[in-house]
């Protein structure tokens, strides 16, 4: 039994959101690998993607208020869309702060955390594509959980090193905040995976 009928537009909107997340996370990862000089352009593009995501979620909420029979419980549609929007917001927030704080050079931990965010996005994208095909998606959700655990461990280690090695308190605050923003974004990815798993169980 298909969870989200093809005639409904909600599913295509979810896919639209997750594709934006994958694109934004990829842009951020490539930018931090290249260095500070690439961040401003990347942040501007990510901001555009975030605006596109706002349009999608607005369309979902409008349609939700106008649709009497929905393919999923309205609260589940709202939760999925909102949690996806939170991920895109997190990526945009992190990119903005990296530009504002003028990190140069980009710390290796930031590069690795951006890679983890990108990998979370790819796992979520696979999960939503499998949902469309009525295939099992638990492994992809578990992968998001694993990546979030790794990001948490990475940030704890990096923050401990900051307090041991960084003598400039302003630099310490900047680095710590960016680490935590990126880790929080993986938390938001995990929230999406959790909601998705609950939806699948509820409708199985």
C-alpha atoms as a PDB file:
ATOM      1  CA  UNK A   1       0.000   0.000   0.000  1.00  0.00           C
ATOM      2  CA  UNK A   2       1.417   3.386  -0.996  1.00  0.00           C
ATOM      3  CA  UNK A   3       1.684   5.804   1.887  1.00  0.00           C
ATOM      4  CA  UNK A   4       1.477   8.943  -0.233  1.00  0.00           C
ATOM      5  CA  UNK A   5      -0.693   8.558  -3.364  1.00  0.00           C
ATOM      6  CA  UNK A   6       0.853   9.942  -6.515  1.00  0.00           C
ATOM      7  CA  UNK A   7      -2.139  12.156  -7.250  1.00  0.00           C
ATOM      8  CA  UNK A   8      -1.403  14.125  -4.104  1.00  0.00           C
ATOM      9  CA  UNK A   9       1.042  17.022  -4.338  1.00  0.00           C
ATOM     10  CA  UNK A  10       2.248  16.792  -0.762  1.00  0.00           C
ATOM     11  CA  UNK A  11       4.846  14.171  -1.548  1.00  0.00           C
ATOM     12  CA  UNK A  12       6.371  16.136  -4.410  1.00  0.00           C
ATOM     13  CA  UNK A  13       6.629  19.087  -2.023  1.00  0.00           C
ATOM     14  CA  UNK A  14       8.489  16.965   0.532  1.00  0.00           C
ATOM     15  CA  UNK A  15      10.880  15.873  -2.195  1.00  0.00           C
ATOM     16  CA  UNK A  16      11.300  19.490  -3.222  1.00  0.00           C
ATOM     17  CA  UNK A  17      12.265  20.406   0.323  1.00  0.00           C
ATOM     18  CA  UNK A  18      14.755  17.575   0.721  1.00  0.00           C
ATOM     19  CA  UNK A  19      16.363  18.312  -2.661  1.00  0.00           C
ATOM     20  CA  UNK A  20      16.930  21.909  -1.541  1.00  0.00           C
ATOM     21  CA  UNK A  21      18.522  20.629   1.670  1.00  0.00           C
ATOM     22  CA  UNK A  22      20.836  18.334  -0.270  1.00  0.00           C
ATOM     23  CA  UNK A  23      21.858  21.135  -2.612  1.00  0.00           C
ATOM     24  CA  UNK A  24      22.443  23.634   0.201  1.00  0.00           C
ATOM     25  CA  UNK A  25      24.479  21.200   2.289  1.00  0.00           C
ATOM     26  CA  UNK A  26      26.589  20.288  -0.738  1.00  0.00           C
ATOM     27  CA  UNK A  27      27.269  23.939  -1.544  1.00  0.00           C
ATOM     28  CA  UNK A  28      28.319  24.635   2.042  1.00  0.00           C
ATOM     29  CA  UNK A  29      30.614  21.605   2.186  1.00  0.00           C
ATOM     30  CA  UNK A  30      32.352  22.465  -1.089  1.00  0.00           C
ATOM     31  CA  UNK A  31      32.781  26.086   0.019  1.00  0.00           C
ATOM     32  CA  UNK A  32      34.404  25.273   3.352  1.00  0.00           C
ATOM     33  CA  UNK A  33      36.758  22.852   1.611  1.00  0.00           C
ATOM     34  CA  UNK A  34      37.871  25.635  -0.729  1.00  0.00           C
ATOM     35  CA  UNK A  35      38.341  28.219   2.021  1.00  0.00           C
ATOM     36  CA  UNK A  36      36.952  31.461   3.373  1.00  0.00           C
ATOM     37  CA  UNK A  37      37.005  33.306   0.025  1.00  0.00           C
ATOM     38  CA  UNK A  38      34.314  30.976  -1.323  1.00  0.00           C
ATOM     39  CA  UNK A  39      31.926  31.313   1.604  1.00  0.00           C
ATOM     40  CA  UNK A  40      30.208  34.603   0.737  1.00  0.00           C
ATOM     41  CA  UNK A  41      28.973  33.389  -2.637  1.00  0.00           C
ATOM     42  CA  UNK A  42      27.953  30.047  -1.156  1.00  0.00           C
ATOM     43  CA  UNK A  43      26.035  31.727   1.675  1.00  0.00           C
ATOM     44  CA  UNK A  44      24.169  33.931  -0.808  1.00  0.00           C
ATOM     45  CA  UNK A  45      23.110  30.906  -2.857  1.00  0.00           C
ATOM     46  CA  UNK A  46      22.083  29.007   0.275  1.00  0.00           C
ATOM     47  CA  UNK A  47      19.960  31.981   1.318  1.00  0.00           C
ATOM     48  CA  UNK A  48      18.183  31.797  -2.054  1.00  0.00           C
ATOM     49  CA  UNK A  49      17.536  28.100  -1.504  1.00  0.00           C
ATOM     50  CA  UNK A  50      16.182  28.847   1.965  1.00  0.00           C
ATOM     51  CA  UNK A  51      13.717  31.327   0.442  1.00  0.00           C
ATOM     52  CA  UNK A  52      12.635  28.655  -2.047  1.00  0.00           C
ATOM     53  CA  UNK A  53      12.099  26.316   0.897  1.00  0.00           C
ATOM     54  CA  UNK A  54       9.929  28.938   2.603  1.00  0.00           C
ATOM     55  CA  UNK A  55       7.762  29.090  -0.517  1.00  0.00           C
ATOM     56  CA  UNK A  56       7.345  25.320  -0.524  1.00  0.00           C
ATOM     57  CA  UNK A  57       6.338  25.136   3.128  1.00  0.00           C
ATOM     58  CA  UNK A  58       3.909  28.032   2.646  1.00  0.00           C
ATOM     59  CA  UNK A  59       2.357  26.134  -0.260  1.00  0.00           C
ATOM     60  CA  UNK A  60       2.100  22.964   1.849  1.00  0.00           C
ATOM     61  CA  UNK A  61       0.367  24.744   4.718  1.00  0.00           C
ATOM     62  CA  UNK A  62      -2.002  26.531   2.339  1.00  0.00           C
ATOM     63  CA  UNK A  63      -2.913  23.267   0.620  1.00  0.00           C
ATOM     64  CA  UNK A  64      -3.265  21.528   3.973  1.00  0.00           C
ATOM     65  CA  UNK A  65      -5.870  24.072   5.054  1.00  0.00           C
ATOM     66  CA  UNK A  66      -7.768  23.614   1.788  1.00  0.00           C
ATOM     67  CA  UNK A  67      -7.676  19.804   1.534  1.00  0.00           C
ATOM     68  CA  UNK A  68     -10.413  17.825   3.258  1.00  0.00           C
ATOM     69  CA  UNK A  69      -8.884  14.369   2.731  1.00  0.00           C
ATOM     70  CA  UNK A  70      -5.099  14.137   2.981  1.00  0.00           C
ATOM     71  CA  UNK A  71      -2.824  11.130   2.268  1.00  0.00           C
ATOM     72  CA  UNK A  72      -1.467  11.332   5.827  1.00  0.00           C
ATOM     73  CA  UNK A  73      -2.762  12.788   9.047  1.00  0.00           C
ATOM     74  CA  UNK A  74      -2.545  16.595   8.772  1.00  0.00           C
ATOM     75  CA  UNK A  75      -0.350  16.774  11.859  1.00  0.00           C
ATOM     76  CA  UNK A  76       2.116  14.340  10.248  1.00  0.00           C
ATOM     77  CA  UNK A  77       2.280  16.404   7.066  1.00  0.00           C
ATOM     78  CA  UNK A  78       2.857  19.505   9.171  1.00  0.00           C
ATOM     79  CA  UNK A  79       5.552  17.788  11.247  1.00  0.00           C
ATOM     80  CA  UNK A  80       7.428  16.446   8.224  1.00  0.00           C
ATOM     81  CA  UNK A  81       7.397  19.753   6.405  1.00  0.00           C
ATOM     82  CA  UNK A  82       8.317  21.802   9.468  1.00  0.00           C
ATOM     83  CA  UNK A  83      11.193  19.520  10.414  1.00  0.00           C
ATOM     84  CA  UNK A  84      12.576  19.649   6.866  1.00  0.00           C
ATOM     85  CA  UNK A  85      12.308  23.444   6.945  1.00  0.00           C
ATOM     86  CA  UNK A  86      14.245  23.491  10.216  1.00  0.00           C
ATOM     87  CA  UNK A  87      17.140  21.636   8.570  1.00  0.00           C
ATOM     88  CA  UNK A  88      17.374  24.143   5.725  1.00  0.00           C
ATOM     89  CA  UNK A  89      17.187  27.015   8.218  1.00  0.00           C
ATOM     90  CA  UNK A  90      20.041  25.440  10.175  1.00  0.00           C
ATOM     91  CA  UNK A  91      22.266  25.222   7.113  1.00  0.00           C
ATOM     92  CA  UNK A  92      21.520  28.842   6.216  1.00  0.00           C
ATOM     93  CA  UNK A  93      22.210  30.005   9.780  1.00  0.00           C
ATOM     94  CA  UNK A  94      25.551  28.205   9.875  1.00  0.00           C
ATOM     95  CA  UNK A  95      26.622  29.620   6.513  1.00  0.00           C
ATOM     96  CA  UNK A  96      25.664  33.154   7.568  1.00  0.00           C
ATOM     97  CA  UNK A  97      27.691  32.949  10.769  1.00  0.00           C
ATOM     98  CA  UNK A  98      30.752  31.600   9.007  1.00  0.00           C
ATOM     99  CA  UNK A  99      30.697  34.616   6.701  1.00  0.00           C
ATOM    100  CA  UNK A 100      29.911  37.089   9.485  1.00  0.00           C
ATOM    101  CA  UNK A 101      32.648  35.724  11.737  1.00  0.00           C
ATOM    102  CA  UNK A 102      35.204  35.660   8.898  1.00  0.00           C
ATOM    103  CA  UNK A 103      36.685  32.319   9.783  1.00  0.00           C
ATOM    104  CA  UNK A 104      40.067  32.141   8.111  1.00  0.00           C
ATOM    105  CA  UNK A 105      41.411  29.555   7.892  1.00  0.00           C
ATOM    106  CA  UNK A 106      38.402  27.252   8.087  1.00  0.00           C
ATOM    107  CA  UNK A 107      39.029  24.791  10.947  1.00  0.00           C
ATOM    108  CA  UNK A 108      39.176  21.110   9.899  1.00  0.00           C
ATOM    109  CA  UNK A 109      36.378  20.360  12.364  1.00  0.00           C
ATOM    110  CA  UNK A 110      34.072  22.740  10.478  1.00  0.00           C
ATOM    111  CA  UNK A 111      34.864  20.987   7.210  1.00  0.00           C
ATOM    112  CA  UNK A 112      34.161  17.598   8.763  1.00  0.00           C
ATOM    113  CA  UNK A 113      30.910  18.772  10.357  1.00  0.00           C
ATOM    114  CA  UNK A 114      29.744  20.204   7.031  1.00  0.00           C
ATOM    115  CA  UNK A 115      30.489  16.841   5.450  1.00  0.00           C
ATOM    116  CA  UNK A 116      28.380  15.143   8.121  1.00  0.00           C
ATOM    117  CA  UNK A 117      25.488  17.558   7.443  1.00  0.00           C
ATOM    118  CA  UNK A 118      25.787  16.817   3.722  1.00  0.00           C
ATOM    119  CA  UNK A 119      25.765  13.053   4.377  1.00  0.00           C
ATOM    120  CA  UNK A 120      22.683  13.427   6.597  1.00  0.00           C
ATOM    121  CA  UNK A 121      20.936  15.274   3.781  1.00  0.00           C
ATOM    122  CA  UNK A 122      21.796  12.552   1.293  1.00  0.00           C
ATOM    123  CA  UNK A 123      20.464   9.882   3.645  1.00  0.00           C
ATOM    124  CA  UNK A 124      17.206  11.799   4.078  1.00  0.00           C
ATOM    125  CA  UNK A 125      16.943  12.214   0.322  1.00  0.00           C
ATOM    126  CA  UNK A 126      17.312   8.459  -0.159  1.00  0.00           C
ATOM    127  CA  UNK A 127      14.684   7.843   2.508  1.00  0.00           C
ATOM    128  CA  UNK A 128      12.090  10.108   0.886  1.00  0.00           C
ATOM    129  CA  UNK A 129      12.784   8.641  -2.542  1.00  0.00           C
ATOM    130  CA  UNK A 130      12.248   5.141  -1.102  1.00  0.00           C
ATOM    131  CA  UNK A 131       9.021   6.323   0.472  1.00  0.00           C
ATOM    132  CA  UNK A 132       7.815   7.281  -3.005  1.00  0.00           C
ATOM    133  CA  UNK A 133       8.594   3.755  -4.236  1.00  0.00           C
ATOM    134  CA  UNK A 134       7.087   2.137  -1.151  1.00  0.00           C
ATOM    135  CA  UNK A 135      10.468   0.677  -0.235  1.00  0.00           C
ATOM    136  CA  UNK A 136      11.960   0.162   3.210  1.00  0.00           C
ATOM    137  CA  UNK A 137      13.733   3.261   4.477  1.00  0.00           C
ATOM    138  CA  UNK A 138      14.724   2.288   8.008  1.00  0.00           C
ATOM    139  CA  UNK A 139      18.405   1.853   7.118  1.00  0.00           C
ATOM    140  CA  UNK A 140      18.621   5.451   5.874  1.00  0.00           C
ATOM    141  CA  UNK A 141      16.976   6.758   9.032  1.00  0.00           C
ATOM    142  CA  UNK A 142      19.400   4.723  11.140  1.00  0.00           C
ATOM    143  CA  UNK A 143      22.266   6.213   9.133  1.00  0.00           C
ATOM    144  CA  UNK A 144      21.057   9.715  10.032  1.00  0.00           C
ATOM    145  CA  UNK A 145      21.000   8.703  13.696  1.00  0.00           C
ATOM    146  CA  UNK A 146      24.557   7.349  13.410  1.00  0.00           C
ATOM    147  CA  UNK A 147      25.793  10.528  11.738  1.00  0.00           C
ATOM    148  CA  UNK A 148      24.175  12.706  14.405  1.00  0.00           C
ATOM    149  CA  UNK A 149      25.917  10.687  17.125  1.00  0.00           C
ATOM    150  CA  UNK A 150      29.232  11.143  15.324  1.00  0.00           C
ATOM    151  CA  UNK A 151      28.685  14.909  14.975  1.00  0.00           C
ATOM    152  CA  UNK A 152      27.933  15.144  18.688  1.00  0.00           C
ATOM    153  CA  UNK A 153      31.155  13.297  19.527  1.00  0.00           C
ATOM    154  CA  UNK A 154      33.119  15.448  17.090  1.00  0.00           C
ATOM    155  CA  UNK A 155      31.862  18.685  18.622  1.00  0.00           C
ATOM    156  CA  UNK A 156      32.508  17.573  22.187  1.00  0.00           C
ATOM    157  CA  UNK A 157      36.092  16.739  21.286  1.00  0.00           C
ATOM    158  CA  UNK A 158      36.586  19.976  19.340  1.00  0.00           C
ATOM    159  CA  UNK A 159      35.173  22.174  22.104  1.00  0.00           C
ATOM    160  CA  UNK A 160      37.408  20.480  24.666  1.00  0.00           C
ATOM    161  CA  UNK A 161      40.428  21.185  22.457  1.00  0.00           C
ATOM    162  CA  UNK A 162      39.330  24.797  22.016  1.00  0.00           C
ATOM    163  CA  UNK A 163      39.357  25.440  25.747  1.00  0.00           C
ATOM    164  CA  UNK A 164      42.750  23.800  26.044  1.00  0.00           C
ATOM    165  CA  UNK A 165      44.466  25.461  23.091  1.00  0.00           C
ATOM    166  CA  UNK A 166      42.705  28.682  22.025  1.00  0.00           C
ATOM    167  CA  UNK A 167      44.044  31.742  23.843  1.00  0.00           C
ATOM    168  CA  UNK A 168      41.847  34.332  22.111  1.00  0.00           C
ATOM    169  CA  UNK A 169      38.439  34.362  23.855  1.00  0.00           C
ATOM    170  CA  UNK A 170      36.700  35.934  20.841  1.00  0.00           C
ATOM    171  CA  UNK A 171      38.039  33.267  18.504  1.00  0.00           C
ATOM    172  CA  UNK A 172      37.003  30.608  21.008  1.00  0.00           C
ATOM    173  CA  UNK A 173      33.428  31.907  21.102  1.00  0.00           C
ATOM    174  CA  UNK A 174      33.202  32.106  17.303  1.00  0.00           C
ATOM    175  CA  UNK A 175      34.474  28.592  16.731  1.00  0.00           C
ATOM    176  CA  UNK A 176      32.394  27.063  19.506  1.00  0.00           C
ATOM    177  CA  UNK A 177      29.194  28.679  18.233  1.00  0.00           C
ATOM    178  CA  UNK A 178      29.719  27.508  14.661  1.00  0.00           C
ATOM    179  CA  UNK A 179      30.519  23.974  15.826  1.00  0.00           C
ATOM    180  CA  UNK A 180      27.313  23.948  17.831  1.00  0.00           C
ATOM    181  CA  UNK A 181      25.194  25.382  15.010  1.00  0.00           C
ATOM    182  CA  UNK A 182      26.390  22.655  12.666  1.00  0.00           C
ATOM    183  CA  UNK A 183      25.829  19.956  15.283  1.00  0.00           C
ATOM    184  CA  UNK A 184      22.336  21.337  15.912  1.00  0.00           C
ATOM    185  CA  UNK A 185      21.644  20.992  12.194  1.00  0.00           C
ATOM    186  CA  UNK A 186      22.424  17.275  12.405  1.00  0.00           C
ATOM    187  CA  UNK A 187      19.994  17.139  15.348  1.00  0.00           C
ATOM    188  CA  UNK A 188      17.347  18.604  13.057  1.00  0.00           C
ATOM    189  CA  UNK A 189      18.141  15.967  10.437  1.00  0.00           C
ATOM    190  CA  UNK A 190      17.617  13.329  13.101  1.00  0.00           C
ATOM    191  CA  UNK A 191      14.260  14.937  13.947  1.00  0.00           C
ATOM    192  CA  UNK A 192      13.193  14.463  10.310  1.00  0.00           C
ATOM    193  CA  UNK A 193      14.256  10.814  10.401  1.00  0.00           C
ATOM    194  CA  UNK A 194      12.335  10.249  13.641  1.00  0.00           C
ATOM    195  CA  UNK A 195       9.158  11.836  12.280  1.00  0.00           C
ATOM    196  CA  UNK A 196       9.490   9.832   9.070  1.00  0.00           C
ATOM    197  CA  UNK A 197       9.840   6.572  10.958  1.00  0.00           C
ATOM    198  CA  UNK A 198       6.779   7.397  13.071  1.00  0.00           C
ATOM    199  CA  UNK A 199       4.742   8.151   9.946  1.00  0.00           C
ATOM    200  CA  UNK A 200       5.734   4.861   8.356  1.00  0.00           C
ATOM    201  CA  UNK A 201       4.853   2.872  11.502  1.00  0.00           C
ATOM    202  CA  UNK A 202       1.531   4.667  11.862  1.00  0.00           C
ATOM    203  CA  UNK A 203       0.542   3.960   8.262  1.00  0.00           C
ATOM    204  CA  UNK A 204       1.904   0.422   7.914  1.00  0.00           C
END
